[in-house]
Amino acid sequence: MSIRNLRKERVGIVTSTSMTKSIVVAIEQKKKHEKYGKFVKQTNKFVAHDEKQECAVGDTVKIMETRPLSKTKNWRLVEILDKAK
């Protein structure tokens, strides 16, 4: 198994494209509260590298972990799964 296959992949929705060659992807999870058992929504935001600047706000995308590209950017765009309408 190669090292590339060990990298994490996430699917989320683009929330911002205001930076050059960068996008912000929000990934929503539902976790069960340990004590009360209620399912709680948790949103994590990742800054990802978009080399061709082809994403728009609302697109569903797949991102992959990569080497640090800047202070906050450790992810890169793999593919656009669904374009926003």
Protein backbone atom coordinates (compact mmCIF):
# COMPACT_ATOMS: atom_id res chain seq x y z
CA MET A 1 0.00 0.00 0.00
CA SER A 2 1.51 3.31 -1.04
CA ILE A 3 1.68 6.39 1.17
CA ARG A 4 -0.67 8.29 -1.16
CA ASN A 5 -3.46 5.82 -0.34
CA LEU A 6 -3.10 6.56 3.38
CA ARG A 7 -4.04 10.23 2.96
CA LYS A 8 -7.41 11.30 4.31
CA GLU A 9 -10.20 12.26 1.93
CA ARG A 10 -13.27 14.31 2.79
CA VAL A 11 -16.43 15.36 0.94
CA GLY A 12 -17.94 18.75 1.70
CA ILE A 13 -19.55 21.92 0.40
CA VAL A 14 -17.60 25.00 -0.72
CA THR A 15 -18.47 28.00 1.48
CA SER A 16 -15.93 30.57 0.25
CA THR A 17 -13.82 31.22 -2.86
CA SER A 18 -12.66 34.75 -2.04
CA MET A 19 -8.96 33.81 -1.79
CA THR A 20 -6.80 33.28 -4.87
CA LYS A 21 -6.35 29.54 -5.59
CA SER A 22 -7.95 28.64 -2.25
CA ILE A 23 -11.37 27.46 -1.16
CA VAL A 24 -13.01 26.89 2.21
CA VAL A 25 -14.86 23.58 2.46
CA ALA A 26 -17.39 22.91 5.24
CA ILE A 27 -17.81 19.30 6.29
CA GLU A 28 -20.83 18.46 8.43
CA GLN A 29 -20.90 15.46 10.76
CA LYS A 30 -23.54 14.13 13.11
CA LYS A 31 -22.13 12.87 16.39
CA LYS A 32 -23.94 11.32 19.31
CA HIS A 33 -23.58 13.17 22.61
CA GLU A 34 -21.86 10.84 25.09
CA LYS A 35 -24.00 11.65 28.11
CA TYR A 36 -27.40 12.57 26.67
CA GLY A 37 -27.48 10.49 23.49
CA LYS A 38 -28.75 13.33 21.29
CA PHE A 39 -27.29 13.62 17.80
CA VAL A 40 -25.50 16.95 17.40
CA LYS A 41 -24.36 18.54 14.13
CA GLN A 42 -20.69 19.46 14.00
CA THR A 43 -19.20 21.53 11.16
CA ASN A 44 -15.48 21.59 10.41
CA LYS A 45 -13.99 24.03 7.91
CA PHE A 46 -10.90 23.18 5.86
CA VAL A 47 -8.91 25.49 3.59
CA ALA A 48 -8.02 23.65 0.38
CA HIS A 49 -5.89 24.44 -2.67
CA ASP A 50 -7.80 24.95 -5.95
CA GLU A 51 -5.09 25.34 -8.61
CA LYS A 52 -7.40 26.01 -11.58
CA GLN A 53 -9.89 28.14 -9.62
CA GLU A 54 -12.81 26.12 -10.98
CA CYS A 55 -14.96 25.90 -7.82
CA ALA A 56 -17.93 28.08 -6.95
CA VAL A 57 -19.77 28.57 -3.67
CA GLY A 58 -22.22 25.71 -3.11
CA ASP A 59 -20.29 23.06 -5.06
CA THR A 60 -19.90 19.61 -3.52
CA VAL A 61 -16.22 18.66 -3.70
CA LYS A 62 -13.78 15.95 -2.65
CA ILE A 63 -10.56 17.10 -0.98
CA MET A 64 -7.43 15.16 -0.03
CA GLU A 65 -4.82 15.75 2.64
CA THR A 66 -1.45 16.99 1.36
CA ARG A 67 1.75 18.60 2.58
CA PRO A 68 1.42 22.02 4.22
CA LEU A 69 0.98 24.63 1.48
CA SER A 70 0.60 27.58 3.88
CA LYS A 71 -0.17 28.26 7.54
CA THR A 72 -3.72 26.88 7.32
CA LYS A 73 -3.80 25.05 3.97
CA ASN A 74 -3.12 21.29 4.23
CA TRP A 75 -5.74 20.02 1.76
CA ARG A 76 -6.10 20.05 -2.02
CA LEU A 77 -9.04 19.72 -4.37
CA VAL A 78 -9.38 16.27 -5.96
CA GLU A 79 -12.62 16.64 -7.91
CA ILE A 80 -15.91 18.49 -8.09
CA LEU A 81 -18.69 16.00 -7.45
CA ASP A 82 -21.69 18.29 -7.99
CA LYS A 83 -21.89 21.85 -9.33
CA ALA A 84 -24.06 24.42 -7.55
CA LYS A 85 -27.22 25.46 -9.35
